[in-house]
Amino acid sequence: MLQKVDDSAPLLAVNNIEVIYNHVILVLKGVSLSVPKGGIVAILGANGAGKTTTLKAISNLLRAERGEVTKGSISFDGAEIQNLSPAELVRRGCIQVMEGRHCFGHLTIEENLMTGAFTRTDGRAAVNRDLDMVYEYFPRLKERRRSQAGYTSGGEQQMCAIGRALMSRPTTILLDEPSMGLAPQLVEEIFEIVRDLNDKEGVTFLLAEQNTNIALRYATYGYILESGRVVMDGEAKELRENEDVKEFYLGIGGEGRKSFRDVKHYKRRKRWLA
């Protein structure tokens, strides 16, 4: 299903980017991160930390909201991508699943899925094979394939949005807040499918998530953002065991959430002082 990529470098690299909205509002400040081929990397943090902006900077959707990357660089599969259109980036294998699901409510589930194949040129048979693959991972979508998406549940719409992205044959999916508004059981189901897609199909995931607990259970590596900066990063297991992460993001051992940047264990990265 997937395109071949070079194993010698990170599949996706964000290098010290700054993002400004409306030529005035500085949202991201020196953000750097790396996503290896075949990895599941999580961007963590509270609402407003800059997680969604980071994903939109990568997928080149900022311009629609009067935002722009003013410093730094972003590379995917060995090439810089800041000047590509979102459609061209999809053709290269990188696609974003937006926060809030954003299905076409008046179309059926299957029609929604088929819109994900609009950039493909490999023929109807190949598209149908991938449609069958999506239904294997999301059997509930197959049951509801003739239903209008606007009348399906939130969980089914989230599955539809991920399935639609898969129809573009991506190497990488940028997944924004997949747990938002869903019951815990559905969240678990969706993350299990994400892990299966990663293991069995080789899809690389960069996901932005407020639910730090579940994200660190399924991710291999994590970056914690606060106020547009990376304040900590590391292997998911190490972050789960970090006392400050437990207190401020997992709700263990603290007396209410404080700023991660206020804790005595926190040390600024040298690049911030430049």
Protein backbone atom coordinates (compact mmCIF):
# COMPACT_ATOMS: atom_id res chain seq x y z
CA MET A 1 0.00 0.00 0.00
CA LEU A 2 2.70 2.46 1.03
CA GLN A 3 5.37 4.39 -0.80
CA LYS A 4 9.04 3.63 -0.15
CA VAL A 5 11.08 6.18 1.81
CA ASP A 6 14.75 6.58 2.72
CA ASP A 7 15.63 4.97 6.06
CA SER A 8 18.84 6.98 6.55
CA ALA A 9 17.17 10.12 7.95
CA PRO A 10 13.99 11.05 9.83
CA LEU A 11 10.94 10.84 7.62
CA LEU A 12 9.73 14.17 9.00
CA ALA A 13 11.91 16.87 10.57
CA VAL A 14 10.79 20.21 11.99
CA ASN A 15 13.77 22.48 12.61
CA ASN A 16 13.47 25.48 14.95
CA ILE A 17 10.32 26.92 13.40
CA GLU A 18 8.45 30.05 14.39
CA VAL A 19 4.84 30.63 13.39
CA ILE A 20 3.09 34.00 13.31
CA TYR A 21 -0.62 34.69 12.76
CA ASN A 22 -1.86 37.92 11.18
CA HIS A 23 1.74 39.18 10.93
CA VAL A 24 1.67 39.93 14.66
CA ILE A 25 0.84 37.00 16.96
CA LEU A 26 3.81 34.72 17.67
CA VAL A 27 2.43 31.23 18.36
CA LEU A 28 5.34 28.81 17.95
CA LYS A 29 8.80 29.76 19.19
CA GLY A 30 11.70 27.62 18.09
CA VAL A 31 9.89 24.30 17.84
CA SER A 32 11.95 21.33 16.67
CA LEU A 33 10.91 17.69 16.43
CA SER A 34 11.77 14.56 14.52
CA VAL A 35 9.58 11.67 13.36
CA PRO A 36 11.27 8.43 12.25
CA LYS A 37 9.83 6.22 9.57
CA GLY A 38 7.39 3.77 11.14
CA GLY A 39 7.15 5.65 14.43
CA ILE A 40 4.25 6.96 16.48
CA VAL A 41 5.26 10.34 17.89
CA ALA A 42 3.02 12.39 20.17
CA ILE A 43 2.85 16.16 20.61
CA LEU A 44 1.43 16.73 24.07
CA GLY A 45 0.22 19.72 26.04
CA ALA A 46 -2.78 21.66 27.23
CA ASN A 47 -5.25 23.50 25.03
CA GLY A 48 -3.50 26.45 23.41
CA ALA A 49 0.00 25.02 23.75
CA GLY A 50 0.58 25.04 19.99
CA LYS A 51 -0.06 21.41 19.07
CA THR A 52 -2.56 22.04 16.26
CA THR A 53 -0.49 24.93 14.91
CA THR A 54 2.52 22.61 14.68
CA LEU A 55 0.56 20.09 12.63
CA LYS A 56 -0.85 22.80 10.36
CA ALA A 57 2.63 24.20 9.83
CA ILE A 58 3.70 20.78 8.56
CA SER A 59 0.60 20.21 6.39
CA ASN A 60 0.71 23.78 5.02
CA LEU A 61 -2.81 24.59 6.17
CA LEU A 62 -1.71 27.72 8.07
CA ARG A 63 -2.28 30.07 5.17
CA ALA A 64 -6.00 29.47 5.25
CA GLU A 65 -5.94 30.97 8.76
CA ARG A 66 -3.55 33.84 7.97
CA GLY A 67 -0.64 32.06 9.57
CA GLU A 68 2.87 31.49 8.24
CA VAL A 69 6.17 29.88 9.15
CA THR A 70 8.56 32.82 9.47
CA LYS A 71 11.71 31.01 10.62
CA GLY A 72 13.14 27.52 10.46
CA SER A 73 12.48 24.69 8.05
CA ILE A 74 10.33 21.58 7.64
CA SER A 75 11.42 18.57 5.62
CA PHE A 76 9.56 15.43 4.63
CA ASP A 77 11.16 12.45 2.94
CA GLY A 78 14.39 14.41 2.44
CA ALA A 79 12.91 17.54 0.84
CA GLU A 80 11.81 20.87 2.28
CA ILE A 81 8.05 21.27 2.03
CA GLN A 82 7.21 24.78 3.29
CA ASN A 83 6.27 26.04 -0.16
CA LEU A 84 4.19 23.06 -1.26
CA SER A 85 0.41 23.16 -1.47
CA PRO A 86 -1.50 20.84 0.89
CA ALA A 87 -2.62 18.80 -2.13
CA GLU A 88 0.96 18.33 -3.32
CA LEU A 89 1.98 17.25 0.16
CA VAL A 90 -0.79 14.64 0.12
CA ARG A 91 0.54 13.34 -3.20
CA ARG A 92 3.94 12.96 -1.54
CA GLY A 93 2.42 10.88 1.24
CA CYS A 94 1.72 13.22 4.15
CA ILE A 95 -1.86 14.07 5.14
CA GLN A 96 -3.54 15.67 8.15
CA VAL A 97 -6.69 14.43 9.90
CA MET A 98 -8.19 17.59 11.31
CA GLU A 99 -9.41 18.11 14.85
CA GLY A 100 -13.18 17.73 15.06
CA ARG A 101 -13.39 15.05 12.34
CA HIS A 102 -14.74 17.32 9.53
CA CYS A 103 -16.64 14.73 7.51
CA PHE A 104 -18.90 15.80 4.66
CA GLY A 105 -22.19 15.44 6.48
CA HIS A 106 -24.39 15.21 3.35
CA LEU A 107 -22.29 12.40 1.83
CA THR A 108 -22.42 8.75 2.81
CA ILE A 109 -19.57 7.16 4.73
CA GLU A 110 -18.35 5.44 1.56
CA GLU A 111 -18.56 8.64 -0.48
CA ASN A 112 -16.51 10.38 2.22
CA LEU A 113 -13.90 7.65 2.04
CA MET A 114 -13.70 7.88 -1.74
CA THR A 115 -12.97 11.63 -1.57
CA GLY A 116 -9.66 10.66 0.05
CA ALA A 117 -8.53 9.09 -3.22
CA PHE A 118 -8.93 12.24 -5.32
CA THR A 119 -5.15 12.69 -5.82
CA ARG A 120 -4.58 9.12 -6.97
CA THR A 121 -3.86 8.05 -10.53
CA ASP A 122 -3.38 4.29 -10.07
CA GLY A 123 -6.84 3.21 -11.19
CA ARG A 124 -10.16 2.11 -9.78
CA ALA A 125 -9.03 -1.43 -8.91
CA ALA A 126 -6.26 -0.19 -6.63
CA VAL A 127 -8.65 2.28 -4.98
CA ASN A 128 -11.18 -0.49 -4.37
CA ARG A 129 -8.49 -2.66 -2.78
CA ASP A 130 -7.66 0.12 -0.36
CA LEU A 131 -11.34 0.68 0.35
CA ASP A 132 -11.60 -2.99 1.34
CA MET A 133 -8.52 -2.53 3.53
CA VAL A 134 -10.14 0.44 5.30
CA TYR A 135 -13.26 -1.64 5.96
CA GLU A 136 -11.09 -4.41 7.44
CA TYR A 137 -9.64 -1.98 9.98
CA PHE A 138 -12.95 -0.19 10.55
CA PRO A 139 -15.71 -2.82 10.26
CA ARG A 140 -18.18 -0.37 11.75
CA LEU A 141 -17.72 1.85 8.70
CA LYS A 142 -18.60 -1.04 6.43
CA GLU A 143 -21.83 -1.52 8.36
CA ARG A 144 -22.65 2.19 7.99
CA ARG A 145 -21.21 2.73 4.51
CA ARG A 146 -24.58 3.77 3.02
CA SER A 147 -25.46 6.11 5.91
CA GLN A 148 -25.04 9.86 5.66
CA ALA A 149 -21.96 10.79 7.68
CA GLY A 150 -23.80 13.63 9.41
CA TYR A 151 -26.12 11.10 11.06
CA THR A 152 -23.38 8.81 12.40
CA SER A 153 -21.79 8.94 15.85
CA GLY A 154 -18.72 10.95 16.78
CA GLY A 155 -16.64 7.81 16.94
CA GLU A 156 -17.79 6.68 13.51
CA GLN A 157 -17.00 10.11 12.08
CA GLN A 158 -13.49 9.96 13.57
CA MET A 159 -13.01 6.53 12.02
CA CYS A 160 -14.29 7.90 8.72
CA ALA A 161 -11.82 10.80 8.84
CA ILE A 162 -8.89 8.44 9.46
CA GLY A 163 -10.16 6.03 6.79
CA ARG A 164 -10.47 8.88 4.29
CA ALA A 165 -6.84 9.81 4.97
CA LEU A 166 -5.78 6.18 4.39
CA MET A 167 -7.42 6.28 0.97
CA SER A 168 -4.71 8.70 -0.19
CA ARG A 169 -2.09 5.95 0.41
CA PRO A 170 -0.03 7.99 2.90
CA THR A 171 3.31 7.22 4.45
CA THR A 172 2.53 9.66 7.27
CA ILE A 173 -0.69 10.79 8.98
CA LEU A 174 -0.83 13.92 11.13
CA LEU A 175 -3.61 13.12 13.58
CA ASP A 176 -5.06 16.04 15.54
CA GLU A 177 -6.83 15.34 18.87
CA PRO A 178 -8.29 11.94 17.97
CA SER A 179 -9.77 11.51 21.48
CA MET A 180 -11.66 14.82 21.56
CA GLY A 181 -15.32 14.42 22.52
CA LEU A 182 -15.28 10.61 22.49
CA ALA A 183 -16.11 8.10 25.20
CA PRO A 184 -13.07 6.35 26.75
CA GLN A 185 -13.97 3.00 25.17
CA LEU A 186 -14.07 4.54 21.69
CA VAL A 187 -10.81 6.37 22.30
CA GLU A 188 -9.17 3.07 23.21
CA GLU A 189 -10.61 1.44 20.08
CA ILE A 190 -9.31 4.18 17.80
CA PHE A 191 -5.82 4.12 19.32
CA GLU A 192 -5.72 0.33 18.95
CA ILE A 193 -6.48 0.76 15.25
CA VAL A 194 -3.77 3.41 14.97
CA ARG A 195 -1.29 0.95 16.45
CA ASP A 196 -2.45 -1.79 14.07
CA LEU A 197 -2.04 0.53 11.08
CA ASN A 198 1.43 1.38 12.29
CA ASP A 199 2.43 -2.25 12.89
CA LYS A 200 0.80 -3.91 9.88
CA GLU A 201 0.74 -1.21 7.20
CA GLY A 202 3.82 0.77 8.23
CA VAL A 203 1.96 4.07 8.51
CA THR A 204 3.92 6.70 10.45
CA PHE A 205 1.89 8.83 12.85
CA LEU A 206 2.48 12.26 14.36
CA LEU A 207 -0.42 12.90 16.70
CA ALA A 208 -1.38 15.93 18.76
CA GLU A 209 -3.24 14.98 21.89
CA GLN A 210 -4.38 16.53 25.18
CA ASN A 211 -4.99 13.09 26.68
CA THR A 212 -1.39 12.54 27.72
CA ASN A 213 -2.11 9.26 29.47
CA ILE A 214 -3.38 7.38 26.43
CA ALA A 215 -1.01 9.08 24.00
CA LEU A 216 2.06 7.95 25.96
CA ARG A 217 0.71 4.39 26.09
CA TYR A 218 0.65 4.11 22.30
CA ALA A 219 3.40 6.49 21.17
CA THR A 220 7.08 5.61 20.98
CA TYR A 221 8.30 9.18 21.61
CA GLY A 222 6.76 12.39 22.88
CA TYR A 223 7.23 16.15 22.85
CA ILE A 224 5.56 18.34 25.48
CA LEU A 225 4.61 21.83 24.34
CA GLU A 226 3.75 24.77 26.53
CA SER A 227 3.11 28.30 25.28
CA GLY A 228 4.49 27.47 21.85
CA ARG A 229 7.76 25.92 23.04
CA VAL A 230 9.01 22.38 23.54
CA VAL A 231 9.63 22.08 27.29
CA MET A 232 10.46 18.37 27.37
CA ASP A 233 10.86 15.43 25.03
CA GLY A 234 11.88 11.81 25.34
CA GLU A 235 10.92 8.18 24.93
CA ALA A 236 7.29 7.62 25.85
CA LYS A 237 8.20 5.23 28.67
CA GLU A 238 10.56 7.78 30.20
CA LEU A 239 7.95 10.53 30.02
CA ARG A 240 5.35 8.28 31.69
CA GLU A 241 7.75 7.70 34.57
CA ASN A 242 8.88 11.33 34.91
CA GLU A 243 7.60 12.80 38.19
CA ASP A 244 6.85 16.22 36.72
CA VAL A 245 4.91 14.72 33.82
CA LYS A 246 2.97 12.58 36.29
CA GLU A 247 2.05 15.62 38.35
CA PHE A 248 1.27 18.17 35.67
CA TYR A 249 -0.06 16.04 32.81
CA LEU A 250 -1.13 12.67 34.19
CA GLY A 251 -2.80 14.02 37.34
CA ILE A 252 -0.72 11.89 39.72
CA GLY A 253 0.72 13.32 42.91
CA GLY A 254 -0.07 16.98 42.42
CA GLU A 255 -2.49 19.46 43.97
CA GLY A 256 -3.76 20.93 40.72
CA ARG A 257 -2.06 21.63 37.46
CA LYS A 258 0.74 24.21 37.43
CA SER A 259 2.97 25.43 34.64
CA PHE A 260 5.55 22.87 33.64
CA ARG A 261 8.00 25.73 33.16
CA ASP A 262 7.74 26.61 36.86
CA VAL A 263 9.02 23.29 38.24
CA LYS A 264 12.49 23.22 39.75
CA HIS A 265 13.53 20.20 37.65
CA TYR A 266 12.89 22.07 34.42
CA LYS A 267 15.90 23.44 32.54
CA ARG A 268 15.67 25.64 29.48
CA ARG A 269 17.16 24.37 26.28
CA LYS A 270 20.22 26.29 25.14
CA ARG A 271 18.57 27.19 21.86
CA TRP A 272 15.94 29.20 23.74
CA LEU A 273 18.63 31.49 25.13
CA ALA A 274 20.00 32.38 21.72
